[in-house]
Amino acid sequence: MNWNRSRTKILTSTAIVLLLVCFGCGDDSTDEAVVQTHAHGGESITIWGDSVELFFEHPDLIAGQTSEAWAVHLTDLRTFAPVEEGSLTLRFFTPNGGELVHVEETPSRAGVYSPAPSFSEPGMHDLIVELRGAQVSDVIFVGPVIVYASAAEIPHLPEAEAVGISF
């Protein structure tokens, strides 16, 4: 009787572990994006590529204006160290089928590039980020980035209310 109860517990435990392994594991190594829109404008985006983690923030983008500097953070996933060398290329594919390319030859400091691209036309621009260097290389499809025709078109989101205990 005791043997059957132990055997049932072992089989149940084994089944649970197998289910967790089968359904809990997936291919999460490529181009999974986390996008957050800010009330003050712009976005922050995190994507894990094959070789690098890409986290960047950019301000609202307006056609005909050079944007403020972006903060593009790159981490080598093999060593979890900041990317310290290499060329960063931002390739924007415009709504009319054109391509806008912005290149930063070196990081402004360890792990951080500070591009400030300018856009000639508004609309959704598909972005591909390319990093080429001796330390690490990767190509990451970011997806659409919106460029507004004017500052008046930028939606203004309400500021989030503070959460917590008020005294």
Foldseek 3Di string as FASTA:
>chain_A
DVVVVVVVVVVVVVVVVVVCVVPVDDPQQDFDKDWDADLQAWIWMWTHHNFKIWIKTFGAAAAPDFGFWIKIFIAGVVVRWAAFAWKKKKWWQDPVRDIDIDIDHGDPGGRTRTHGGHHHDWDWIWIWIWTDDPVDTGIHGNGTDGYHHDPVPDDRDDHDDDDDDDD
